[in-house]
């Protein structure tokens, strides 16, 4: 299990269940684009909240879409304090 900790965005082999970007390198990675932590249970039951992510996949998608409406190029990794 690895965590995306590199601030640099690059394509990985797995597609994020939330934003559909290729930012998931391994199980339980956190997407650098939307902040969704890859969780097989939550990916398969999109209304389940409280797994690796506080929100359900449905809730997280809505929040991410609202952030993208406010800022077209919003990326979760850009919100980290350096």
N, C-alpha and C. Protein backbone atom coordinates (compact mmCIF):
# COMPACT_ATOMS: atom_id res chain seq x y z
N UNK A 1 0.86 -1.18 0.00
CA UNK A 1 0.00 0.00 0.00
C UNK A 1 0.90 1.23 0.00
N UNK A 2 0.64 2.12 -0.90
CA UNK A 2 1.42 3.36 -0.96
C UNK A 2 0.48 4.55 -0.90
N UNK A 3 1.02 5.66 -0.57
CA UNK A 3 0.24 6.91 -0.53
C UNK A 3 0.85 7.88 -1.51
N UNK A 4 0.02 8.54 -2.28
CA UNK A 4 0.51 9.62 -3.14
C UNK A 4 0.92 10.76 -2.23
N UNK A 5 2.21 10.98 -2.09
CA UNK A 5 2.66 12.09 -1.26
C UNK A 5 3.45 13.09 -2.08
N UNK A 6 3.75 12.74 -3.30
CA UNK A 6 4.47 13.65 -4.18
C UNK A 6 3.49 14.70 -4.68
N UNK A 7 3.84 15.97 -4.51
CA UNK A 7 2.96 17.06 -4.93
C UNK A 7 2.81 17.11 -6.45
N UNK A 8 3.70 16.45 -7.17
CA UNK A 8 3.67 16.49 -8.63
C UNK A 8 2.59 15.54 -9.15
N UNK A 9 1.71 16.07 -9.98
CA UNK A 9 0.65 15.27 -10.58
C UNK A 9 1.22 14.47 -11.73
N UNK A 10 0.95 13.17 -11.75
CA UNK A 10 1.31 12.36 -12.90
C UNK A 10 0.27 11.26 -13.06
N UNK A 11 0.22 10.70 -14.24
CA UNK A 11 -0.76 9.66 -14.53
C UNK A 11 -0.33 8.33 -13.90
N UNK A 12 -1.27 7.64 -13.28
CA UNK A 12 -1.06 6.32 -12.72
C UNK A 12 -2.01 5.35 -13.40
N UNK A 13 -1.82 4.05 -13.20
CA UNK A 13 -2.60 3.07 -13.96
C UNK A 13 -4.08 2.95 -13.58
N UNK A 14 -4.47 3.40 -12.41
CA UNK A 14 -5.85 3.23 -11.97
C UNK A 14 -6.60 4.55 -12.00
N UNK A 15 -7.86 4.48 -12.35
CA UNK A 15 -8.72 5.66 -12.46
C UNK A 15 -9.42 5.91 -11.13
N UNK A 16 -9.43 7.14 -10.69
CA UNK A 16 -10.12 7.53 -9.46
C UNK A 16 -11.62 7.35 -9.64
N UNK A 17 -12.27 6.72 -8.68
CA UNK A 17 -13.72 6.48 -8.74
C UNK A 17 -14.51 7.78 -8.64
N UNK A 18 -13.91 8.82 -8.11
CA UNK A 18 -14.63 10.08 -7.92
C UNK A 18 -14.50 11.00 -9.13
N UNK A 19 -13.28 11.31 -9.53
CA UNK A 19 -13.07 12.32 -10.57
C UNK A 19 -12.69 11.75 -11.94
N UNK A 20 -12.49 10.44 -11.99
CA UNK A 20 -12.13 9.75 -13.24
C UNK A 20 -10.78 10.14 -13.81
N UNK A 21 -9.90 10.65 -12.96
CA UNK A 21 -8.53 10.94 -13.39
C UNK A 21 -7.65 9.74 -13.05
N UNK A 22 -6.59 9.53 -13.80
CA UNK A 22 -5.69 8.41 -13.56
C UNK A 22 -4.64 8.72 -12.52
N UNK A 23 -5.07 8.87 -11.28
CA UNK A 23 -4.13 9.28 -10.22
C UNK A 23 -3.95 8.23 -9.13
N UNK A 24 -4.50 7.06 -9.31
CA UNK A 24 -4.41 6.02 -8.28
C UNK A 24 -3.34 5.01 -8.69
N UNK A 25 -2.25 4.99 -7.94
CA UNK A 25 -1.16 4.06 -8.23
C UNK A 25 -1.42 2.70 -7.60
N UNK A 26 -1.97 2.71 -6.39
CA UNK A 26 -2.15 1.47 -5.64
C UNK A 26 -3.38 1.61 -4.74
N UNK A 27 -3.83 0.50 -4.21
CA UNK A 27 -4.99 0.48 -3.32
C UNK A 27 -4.77 1.45 -2.15
N UNK A 28 -5.77 2.20 -1.82
CA UNK A 28 -5.79 3.16 -0.72
C UNK A 28 -4.97 4.43 -0.97
N UNK A 29 -4.52 4.64 -2.19
CA UNK A 29 -3.89 5.92 -2.51
C UNK A 29 -4.95 7.02 -2.45
N UNK A 30 -4.50 8.23 -2.23
CA UNK A 30 -5.38 9.39 -2.23
C UNK A 30 -5.19 10.12 -3.55
N UNK A 31 -6.29 10.39 -4.21
CA UNK A 31 -6.25 11.08 -5.50
C UNK A 31 -5.77 12.51 -5.31
N UNK A 32 -4.77 12.89 -6.09
CA UNK A 32 -4.22 14.24 -6.00
C UNK A 32 -5.15 15.29 -6.59
N UNK A 33 -6.08 14.86 -7.43
CA UNK A 33 -7.00 15.79 -8.07
C UNK A 33 -8.17 16.13 -7.16
N UNK A 34 -8.83 15.10 -6.61
CA UNK A 34 -10.06 15.36 -5.84
C UNK A 34 -9.97 15.03 -4.35
N UNK A 35 -8.92 14.32 -3.93
CA UNK A 35 -8.76 13.99 -2.52
C UNK A 35 -9.46 12.72 -2.08
N UNK A 36 -10.04 11.96 -3.00
CA UNK A 36 -10.73 10.72 -2.66
C UNK A 36 -9.70 9.64 -2.36
N UNK A 37 -9.84 8.96 -1.20
CA UNK A 37 -8.97 7.83 -0.89
C UNK A 37 -9.58 6.58 -1.48
N UNK A 38 -8.82 5.89 -2.30
CA UNK A 38 -9.31 4.68 -2.95
C UNK A 38 -9.71 3.65 -1.89
N UNK A 39 -10.97 3.26 -1.91
CA UNK A 39 -11.52 2.32 -0.94
C UNK A 39 -12.48 1.40 -1.69
N UNK A 40 -12.13 0.12 -1.76
CA UNK A 40 -12.91 -0.84 -2.55
C UNK A 40 -14.37 -0.90 -2.10
N UNK A 41 -14.60 -0.87 -0.79
CA UNK A 41 -15.97 -0.92 -0.27
C UNK A 41 -16.75 0.30 -0.74
N UNK A 42 -16.20 1.48 -0.54
CA UNK A 42 -16.89 2.71 -0.93
C UNK A 42 -16.98 2.87 -2.44
N UNK A 43 -16.00 2.36 -3.17
CA UNK A 43 -16.07 2.42 -4.64
C UNK A 43 -17.22 1.55 -5.17
N UNK A 44 -17.50 0.45 -4.48
CA UNK A 44 -18.56 -0.47 -4.91
C UNK A 44 -19.93 -0.11 -4.35
N UNK A 45 -19.96 0.53 -3.19
CA UNK A 45 -21.22 0.98 -2.58
C UNK A 45 -21.13 2.50 -2.45
N UNK A 46 -21.54 3.18 -3.49
CA UNK A 46 -21.27 4.62 -3.60
C UNK A 46 -22.02 5.48 -2.59
N UNK A 47 -22.94 4.89 -1.85
CA UNK A 47 -23.67 5.65 -0.83
C UNK A 47 -23.15 5.35 0.58
N UNK A 48 -22.14 4.49 0.70
CA UNK A 48 -21.58 4.12 2.00
C UNK A 48 -20.62 5.21 2.47
N UNK A 49 -20.88 5.75 3.64
CA UNK A 49 -20.01 6.76 4.25
C UNK A 49 -19.30 6.16 5.46
N UNK A 50 -18.13 6.66 5.76
CA UNK A 50 -17.45 6.24 6.97
C UNK A 50 -16.40 5.17 6.77
N UNK A 51 -16.04 4.88 5.56
CA UNK A 51 -14.94 3.96 5.31
C UNK A 51 -13.64 4.74 5.39
N UNK A 52 -12.81 4.58 4.39
CA UNK A 52 -11.56 5.35 4.34
C UNK A 52 -11.84 6.84 4.20
N UNK A 53 -13.00 7.16 3.65
CA UNK A 53 -13.41 8.55 3.45
C UNK A 53 -14.60 8.86 4.35
N UNK A 54 -14.61 10.03 4.92
CA UNK A 54 -15.72 10.46 5.78
C UNK A 54 -17.03 10.46 5.01
N UNK A 55 -17.00 11.03 3.80
CA UNK A 55 -18.19 11.13 2.96
C UNK A 55 -18.34 9.89 2.09
N UNK A 56 -19.55 9.66 1.61
CA UNK A 56 -19.77 8.62 0.60
C UNK A 56 -19.19 9.12 -0.72
N UNK A 57 -19.06 8.21 -1.67
CA UNK A 57 -18.56 8.60 -2.98
C UNK A 57 -19.51 9.60 -3.64
N UNK A 58 -20.80 9.40 -3.47
CA UNK A 58 -21.80 10.33 -4.02
C UNK A 58 -21.59 11.73 -3.44
N UNK A 59 -21.45 11.82 -2.12
CA UNK A 59 -21.26 13.12 -1.46
C UNK A 59 -19.95 13.78 -1.89
N UNK A 60 -18.89 12.97 -1.97
CA UNK A 60 -17.59 13.52 -2.35
C UNK A 60 -17.61 14.04 -3.78
N UNK A 61 -18.26 13.32 -4.67
CA UNK A 61 -18.37 13.78 -6.07
C UNK A 61 -19.08 15.13 -6.14
N UNK A 62 -20.15 15.28 -5.39
CA UNK A 62 -20.91 16.54 -5.38
C UNK A 62 -20.03 17.68 -4.88
N UNK A 63 -19.32 17.45 -3.76
CA UNK A 63 -18.44 18.48 -3.21
C UNK A 63 -17.33 18.84 -4.20
N UNK A 64 -16.75 17.82 -4.84
CA UNK A 64 -15.69 18.07 -5.81
C UNK A 64 -16.22 18.85 -7.00
N UNK A 65 -17.38 18.49 -7.50
CA UNK A 65 -17.97 19.21 -8.63
C UNK A 65 -18.22 20.67 -8.28
N UNK A 66 -18.66 20.94 -7.06
CA UNK A 66 -18.89 22.33 -6.63
C UNK A 66 -17.57 23.10 -6.58
N UNK A 67 -16.51 22.45 -6.10
CA UNK A 67 -15.20 23.10 -6.07
C UNK A 67 -14.72 23.40 -7.48
N UNK A 68 -14.95 22.49 -8.41
CA UNK A 68 -14.54 22.69 -9.80
C UNK A 68 -15.38 23.77 -10.48
N UNK A 69 -16.63 23.93 -10.06
CA UNK A 69 -17.46 25.00 -10.61
C UNK A 69 -16.91 26.37 -10.19
N UNK A 70 -16.42 26.45 -8.94
CA UNK A 70 -15.85 27.70 -8.44
C UNK A 70 -14.48 27.98 -9.05
N UNK A 71 -13.69 26.92 -9.20
CA UNK A 71 -12.33 27.05 -9.72
C UNK A 71 -12.08 25.90 -10.69
N UNK A 72 -12.08 26.22 -11.96
CA UNK A 72 -12.03 25.21 -13.03
C UNK A 72 -10.88 24.22 -12.87
N UNK A 73 -9.72 24.68 -12.47
CA UNK A 73 -8.54 23.82 -12.37
C UNK A 73 -8.23 23.38 -10.94
N UNK A 74 -9.25 23.40 -10.07
CA UNK A 74 -9.04 22.98 -8.67
C UNK A 74 -8.40 21.60 -8.62
N UNK A 75 -7.38 21.49 -7.79
CA UNK A 75 -6.77 20.19 -7.48
C UNK A 75 -6.53 20.11 -5.99
N UNK A 76 -6.94 19.02 -5.39
CA UNK A 76 -6.81 18.81 -3.95
C UNK A 76 -5.37 18.97 -3.48
N UNK A 77 -4.42 18.47 -4.24
CA UNK A 77 -3.01 18.54 -3.81
C UNK A 77 -2.52 19.99 -3.73
N UNK A 78 -3.16 20.90 -4.45
CA UNK A 78 -2.77 22.31 -4.38
C UNK A 78 -3.27 23.00 -3.12
N UNK A 79 -4.09 22.31 -2.33
CA UNK A 79 -4.60 22.88 -1.09
C UNK A 79 -3.70 22.56 0.10
N UNK A 80 -2.70 21.71 -0.10
CA UNK A 80 -1.78 21.36 0.96
C UNK A 80 -0.93 22.56 1.32
N UNK A 81 -0.62 22.66 2.60
CA UNK A 81 0.31 23.71 3.04
C UNK A 81 1.72 23.19 2.82
N UNK A 82 2.53 24.00 2.20
CA UNK A 82 3.91 23.60 1.90
C UNK A 82 4.83 23.96 3.02
